[in-house]
Amino acid sequence: MAHMVARVWKGMNGLDAYERYLAHHRHEHQRTPAPSRADFYRAKWEHESTSPTARCC
């Protein structure tokens, strides 16, 4: 039960974004190396700052 609560919490807060991206990357982009966690979040934050969407802050 605690594992499920933690999983839902991470999903609601975007804390599992890199893990979800890696699953997508393994399925769709098998021939290219995946970016590091740091590179992934750097690109994600850059995209969010230049293309704001609905968010709390």
PDB file of N, CA and C in Angstrom:
ATOM      1  N   MET A   1       0.816  -1.192   0.000  1.00  0.00           N
ATOM      2  CA  MET A   1       0.000   0.000   0.000  1.00  0.00           C
ATOM      3  C   MET A   1       0.864   1.261   0.000  1.00  0.00           C
ATOM      4  N   ALA A   2       1.898   1.296   0.839  1.00  0.00           N
ATOM      5  CA  ALA A   2       2.776   2.470   0.899  1.00  0.00           C
ATOM      6  C   ALA A   2       3.474   2.691  -0.433  1.00  0.00           C
ATOM      7  N   HIS A   3       3.844   1.600  -1.106  1.00  0.00           N
ATOM      8  CA  HIS A   3       4.501   1.715  -2.409  1.00  0.00           C
ATOM      9  C   HIS A   3       3.564   2.387  -3.418  1.00  0.00           C
ATOM     10  N   MET A   4       2.297   2.014  -3.392  1.00  0.00           N
ATOM     11  CA  MET A   4       1.328   2.593  -4.324  1.00  0.00           C
ATOM     12  C   MET A   4       1.120   4.080  -4.025  1.00  0.00           C
ATOM     13  N   VAL A   5       1.046   4.434  -2.753  1.00  0.00           N
ATOM     14  CA  VAL A   5       0.880   5.839  -2.373  1.00  0.00           C
ATOM     15  C   VAL A   5       2.094   6.646  -2.847  1.00  0.00           C
ATOM     16  N   ALA A   6       3.292   6.107  -2.644  1.00  0.00           N
ATOM     17  CA  ALA A   6       4.503   6.802  -3.086  1.00  0.00           C
ATOM     18  C   ALA A   6       4.509   6.963  -4.598  1.00  0.00           C
ATOM     19  N   ARG A   7       4.084   5.948  -5.314  1.00  0.00           N
ATOM     20  CA  ARG A   7       4.055   6.005  -6.779  1.00  0.00           C
ATOM     21  C   ARG A   7       3.083   7.084  -7.265  1.00  0.00           C
ATOM     22  N   VAL A   8       1.908   7.126  -6.654  1.00  0.00           N
ATOM     23  CA  VAL A   8       0.912   8.137  -7.024  1.00  0.00           C
ATOM     24  C   VAL A   8       1.437   9.536  -6.691  1.00  0.00           C
ATOM     25  N   TRP A   9       2.033   9.687  -5.510  1.00  0.00           N
ATOM     26  CA  TRP A   9       2.591  10.979  -5.088  1.00  0.00           C
ATOM     27  C   TRP A   9       3.635  11.470  -6.089  1.00  0.00           C
ATOM     28  N   LYS A  10       4.548  10.582  -6.486  1.00  0.00           N
ATOM     29  CA  LYS A  10       5.593  10.956  -7.445  1.00  0.00           C
ATOM     30  C   LYS A  10       4.977  11.346  -8.784  1.00  0.00           C
ATOM     31  N   GLY A  11       3.971  10.609  -9.217  1.00  0.00           N
ATOM     32  CA  GLY A  11       3.309  10.933 -10.478  1.00  0.00           C
ATOM     33  C   GLY A  11       2.600  12.265 -10.449  1.00  0.00           C
ATOM     34  N   MET A  12       1.951  12.567  -9.343  1.00  0.00           N
ATOM     35  CA  MET A  12       1.229  13.836  -9.222  1.00  0.00           C
ATOM     36  C   MET A  12       2.176  15.019  -9.191  1.00  0.00           C
ATOM     37  N   ASN A  13       3.365  14.828  -8.678  1.00  0.00           N
ATOM     38  CA  ASN A  13       4.317  15.924  -8.534  1.00  0.00           C
ATOM     39  C   ASN A  13       5.382  15.951  -9.618  1.00  0.00           C
ATOM     40  N   GLY A  14       5.321  15.027 -10.557  1.00  0.00           N
ATOM     41  CA  GLY A  14       6.286  15.013 -11.643  1.00  0.00           C
ATOM     42  C   GLY A  14       7.641  14.456 -11.256  1.00  0.00           C
ATOM     43  N   LEU A  15       7.727  13.822 -10.094  1.00  0.00           N
ATOM     44  CA  LEU A  15       9.012  13.306  -9.634  1.00  0.00           C
ATOM     45  C   LEU A  15       9.449  12.060 -10.402  1.00  0.00           C
ATOM     46  N   ASP A  16       8.519  11.474 -11.148  1.00  0.00           N
ATOM     47  CA  ASP A  16       8.856  10.292 -11.932  1.00  0.00           C
ATOM     48  C   ASP A  16       9.049  10.613 -13.414  1.00  0.00           C
ATOM     49  N   ALA A  17       9.222  11.881 -13.734  1.00  0.00           N
ATOM     50  CA  ALA A  17       9.306  12.302 -15.138  1.00  0.00           C
ATOM     51  C   ALA A  17      10.471  11.642 -15.865  1.00  0.00           C
ATOM     52  N   TYR A  18      11.629  11.561 -15.227  1.00  0.00           N
ATOM     53  CA  TYR A  18      12.795  10.965 -15.889  1.00  0.00           C
ATOM     54  C   TYR A  18      12.585   9.471 -16.111  1.00  0.00           C
ATOM     55  N   GLU A  19      12.035   8.783 -15.128  1.00  0.00           N
ATOM     56  CA  GLU A  19      11.782   7.352 -15.283  1.00  0.00           C
ATOM     57  C   GLU A  19      10.768   7.088 -16.395  1.00  0.00           C
ATOM     58  N   ARG A  20       9.727   7.915 -16.461  1.00  0.00           N
ATOM     59  CA  ARG A  20       8.747   7.761 -17.541  1.00  0.00           C
ATOM     60  C   ARG A  20       9.380   8.064 -18.899  1.00  0.00           C
ATOM     61  N   TYR A  21      10.241   9.079 -18.937  1.00  0.00           N
ATOM     62  CA  TYR A  21      10.930   9.404 -20.180  1.00  0.00           C
ATOM     63  C   TYR A  21      11.832   8.247 -20.619  1.00  0.00           C
ATOM     64  N   LEU A  22      12.559   7.645 -19.680  1.00  0.00           N
ATOM     65  CA  LEU A  22      13.432   6.521 -20.041  1.00  0.00           C
ATOM     66  C   LEU A  22      12.630   5.361 -20.621  1.00  0.00           C
ATOM     67  N   ALA A  23      11.466   5.075 -20.053  1.00  0.00           N
ATOM     68  CA  ALA A  23      10.616   4.012 -20.595  1.00  0.00           C
ATOM     69  C   ALA A  23      10.201   4.353 -22.024  1.00  0.00           C
ATOM     70  N   HIS A  24       9.819   5.591 -22.255  1.00  0.00           N
ATOM     71  CA  HIS A  24       9.458   6.044 -23.604  1.00  0.00           C
ATOM     72  C   HIS A  24      10.661   5.933 -24.543  1.00  0.00           C
ATOM     73  N   HIS A  25      11.805   6.392 -24.076  1.00  0.00           N
ATOM     74  CA  HIS A  25      13.016   6.402 -24.901  1.00  0.00           C
ATOM     75  C   HIS A  25      13.415   4.978 -25.293  1.00  0.00           C
ATOM     76  N   ARG A  26      13.353   4.061 -24.351  1.00  0.00           N
ATOM     77  CA  ARG A  26      13.689   2.659 -24.660  1.00  0.00           C
ATOM     78  C   ARG A  26      12.767   2.096 -25.733  1.00  0.00           C
ATOM     79  N   HIS A  27      11.509   2.513 -25.716  1.00  0.00           N
ATOM     80  CA  HIS A  27      10.535   1.986 -26.670  1.00  0.00           C
ATOM     81  C   HIS A  27      10.618   2.674 -28.028  1.00  0.00           C
ATOM     82  N   GLU A  28      10.806   3.985 -28.049  1.00  0.00           N
ATOM     83  CA  GLU A  28      10.730   4.760 -29.286  1.00  0.00           C
ATOM     84  C   GLU A  28      12.075   5.125 -29.913  1.00  0.00           C
ATOM     85  N   HIS A  29      13.130   5.184 -29.140  1.00  0.00           N
ATOM     86  CA  HIS A  29      14.419   5.678 -29.636  1.00  0.00           C
ATOM     87  C   HIS A  29      15.552   4.721 -29.265  1.00  0.00           C
ATOM     88  N   GLN A  30      15.399   3.482 -29.612  1.00  0.00           N
ATOM     89  CA  GLN A  30      16.332   2.437 -29.183  1.00  0.00           C
ATOM     90  C   GLN A  30      17.755   2.649 -29.681  1.00  0.00           C
ATOM     91  N   ARG A  31      17.924   3.324 -30.778  1.00  0.00           N
ATOM     92  CA  ARG A  31      19.259   3.446 -31.384  1.00  0.00           C
ATOM     93  C   ARG A  31      20.055   4.650 -30.890  1.00  0.00           C
ATOM     94  N   THR A  32      19.440   5.484 -30.082  1.00  0.00           N
ATOM     95  CA  THR A  32      20.149   6.655 -29.578  1.00  0.00           C
ATOM     96  C   THR A  32      20.308   6.562 -28.063  1.00  0.00           C
ATOM     97  N   PRO A  33      21.414   7.061 -27.537  1.00  0.00           N
ATOM     98  CA  PRO A  33      21.599   7.013 -26.078  1.00  0.00           C
ATOM     99  C   PRO A  33      20.646   7.985 -25.375  1.00  0.00           C
ATOM    100  N   ALA A  34      20.189   7.582 -24.228  1.00  0.00           N
ATOM    101  CA  ALA A  34      19.309   8.441 -23.439  1.00  0.00           C
ATOM    102  C   ALA A  34      20.139   9.524 -22.759  1.00  0.00           C
ATOM    103  N   PRO A  35      19.569  10.709 -22.577  1.00  0.00           N
ATOM    104  CA  PRO A  35      20.298  11.761 -21.869  1.00  0.00           C
ATOM    105  C   PRO A  35      20.441  11.401 -20.390  1.00  0.00           C
ATOM    106  N   SER A  36      21.406  11.987 -19.758  1.00  0.00           N
ATOM    107  CA  SER A  36      21.552  11.786 -18.313  1.00  0.00           C
ATOM    108  C   SER A  36      20.379  12.451 -17.602  1.00  0.00           C
ATOM    109  N   ARG A  37      20.195  12.119 -16.343  1.00  0.00           N
ATOM    110  CA  ARG A  37      19.121  12.729 -15.554  1.00  0.00           C
ATOM    111  C   ARG A  37      19.296  14.255 -15.523  1.00  0.00           C
ATOM    112  N   ALA A  38      20.537  14.711 -15.328  1.00  0.00           N
ATOM    113  CA  ALA A  38      20.801  16.152 -15.277  1.00  0.00           C
ATOM    114  C   ALA A  38      20.462  16.817 -16.606  1.00  0.00           C
ATOM    115  N   ASP A  39      20.864  16.215 -17.717  1.00  0.00           N
ATOM    116  CA  ASP A  39      20.567  16.785 -19.032  1.00  0.00           C
ATOM    117  C   ASP A  39      19.065  16.793 -19.304  1.00  0.00           C
ATOM    118  N   PHE A  40      18.384  15.717 -18.893  1.00  0.00           N
ATOM    119  CA  PHE A  40      16.935  15.644 -19.076  1.00  0.00           C
ATOM    120  C   PHE A  40      16.247  16.798 -18.353  1.00  0.00           C
ATOM    121  N   TYR A  41      16.575  16.988 -17.059  1.00  0.00           N
ATOM    122  CA  TYR A  41      15.917  18.043 -16.294  1.00  0.00           C
ATOM    123  C   TYR A  41      16.320  19.433 -16.766  1.00  0.00           C
ATOM    124  N   ARG A  42      17.544  19.601 -17.212  1.00  0.00           N
ATOM    125  CA  ARG A  42      17.969  20.897 -17.754  1.00  0.00           C
ATOM    126  C   ARG A  42      17.117  21.244 -18.972  1.00  0.00           C
ATOM    127  N   ALA A  43      16.933  20.295 -19.878  1.00  0.00           N
ATOM    128  CA  ALA A  43      16.118  20.531 -21.073  1.00  0.00           C
ATOM    129  C   ALA A  43      14.652  20.743 -20.705  1.00  0.00           C
ATOM    130  N   LYS A  44      14.163  19.974 -19.748  1.00  0.00           N
ATOM    131  CA  LYS A  44      12.772  20.094 -19.309  1.00  0.00           C
ATOM    132  C   LYS A  44      12.529  21.484 -18.715  1.00  0.00           C
ATOM    133  N   TRP A  45      13.399  21.925 -17.833  1.00  0.00           N
ATOM    134  CA  TRP A  45      13.230  23.239 -17.211  1.00  0.00           C
ATOM    135  C   TRP A  45      13.388  24.363 -18.234  1.00  0.00           C
ATOM    136  N   GLU A  46      14.292  24.207 -19.179  1.00  0.00           N
ATOM    137  CA  GLU A  46      14.455  25.205 -20.238  1.00  0.00           C
ATOM    138  C   GLU A  46      13.174  25.303 -21.059  1.00  0.00           C
ATOM    139  N   HIS A  47      12.616  24.159 -21.415  1.00  0.00           N
ATOM    140  CA  HIS A  47      11.371  24.144 -22.183  1.00  0.00           C
ATOM    141  C   HIS A  47      10.238  24.788 -21.381  1.00  0.00           C
ATOM    142  N   GLU A  48      10.140  24.462 -20.103  1.00  0.00           N
ATOM    143  CA  GLU A  48       9.074  25.026 -19.273  1.00  0.00           C
ATOM    144  C   GLU A  48       9.224  26.537 -19.094  1.00  0.00           C
ATOM    145  N   SER A  49      10.450  27.010 -19.043  1.00  0.00           N
ATOM    146  CA  SER A  49      10.631  28.453 -18.845  1.00  0.00           C
ATOM    147  C   SER A  49      10.381  29.248 -20.119  1.00  0.00           C
ATOM    148  N   THR A  50      10.570  28.631 -21.271  1.00  0.00           N
ATOM    149  CA  THR A  50      10.329  29.331 -22.527  1.00  0.00           C
ATOM    150  C   THR A  50       8.932  29.094 -23.084  1.00  0.00           C
ATOM    151  N   SER A  51       8.265  28.036 -22.622  1.00  0.00           N
ATOM    152  CA  SER A  51       6.914  27.700 -23.084  1.00  0.00           C
ATOM    153  C   SER A  51       6.027  27.414 -21.880  1.00  0.00           C
ATOM    154  N   PRO A  52       5.699  28.436 -21.099  1.00  0.00           N
ATOM    155  CA  PRO A  52       4.912  28.188 -19.885  1.00  0.00           C
ATOM    156  C   PRO A  52       3.529  27.623 -20.196  1.00  0.00           C
ATOM    157  N   THR A  53       3.119  26.679 -19.401  1.00  0.00           N
ATOM    158  CA  THR A  53       1.779  26.100 -19.508  1.00  0.00           C
ATOM    159  C   THR A  53       1.094  26.320 -18.170  1.00  0.00           C
ATOM    160  N   ALA A  54      -0.081  25.801 -18.038  1.00  0.00           N
ATOM    161  CA  ALA A  54      -0.809  25.947 -16.775  1.00  0.00           C
ATOM    162  C   ALA A  54      -0.038  25.251 -15.669  1.00  0.00           C
ATOM    163  N   ARG A  55       0.316  25.992 -14.662  1.00  0.00           N
ATOM    164  CA  ARG A  55       1.000  25.451 -13.485  1.00  0.00           C
ATOM    165  C   ARG A  55       0.746  26.394 -12.319  1.00  0.00           C
ATOM    166  N   CYS A  56       1.100  25.940 -11.156  1.00  0.00           N
ATOM    167  CA  CYS A  56       0.735  26.716  -9.964  1.00  0.00           C
ATOM    168  C   CYS A  56       1.598  27.961  -9.780  1.00  0.00           C
ATOM    169  N   CYS A  57       2.825  27.961 -10.237  1.00  0.00           N
ATOM    170  CA  CYS A  57       3.714  29.088  -9.941  1.00  0.00           C
ATOM    171  C   CYS A  57       4.296  29.714 -11.194  1.00  0.00           C
TER     172      CYS A  57
END
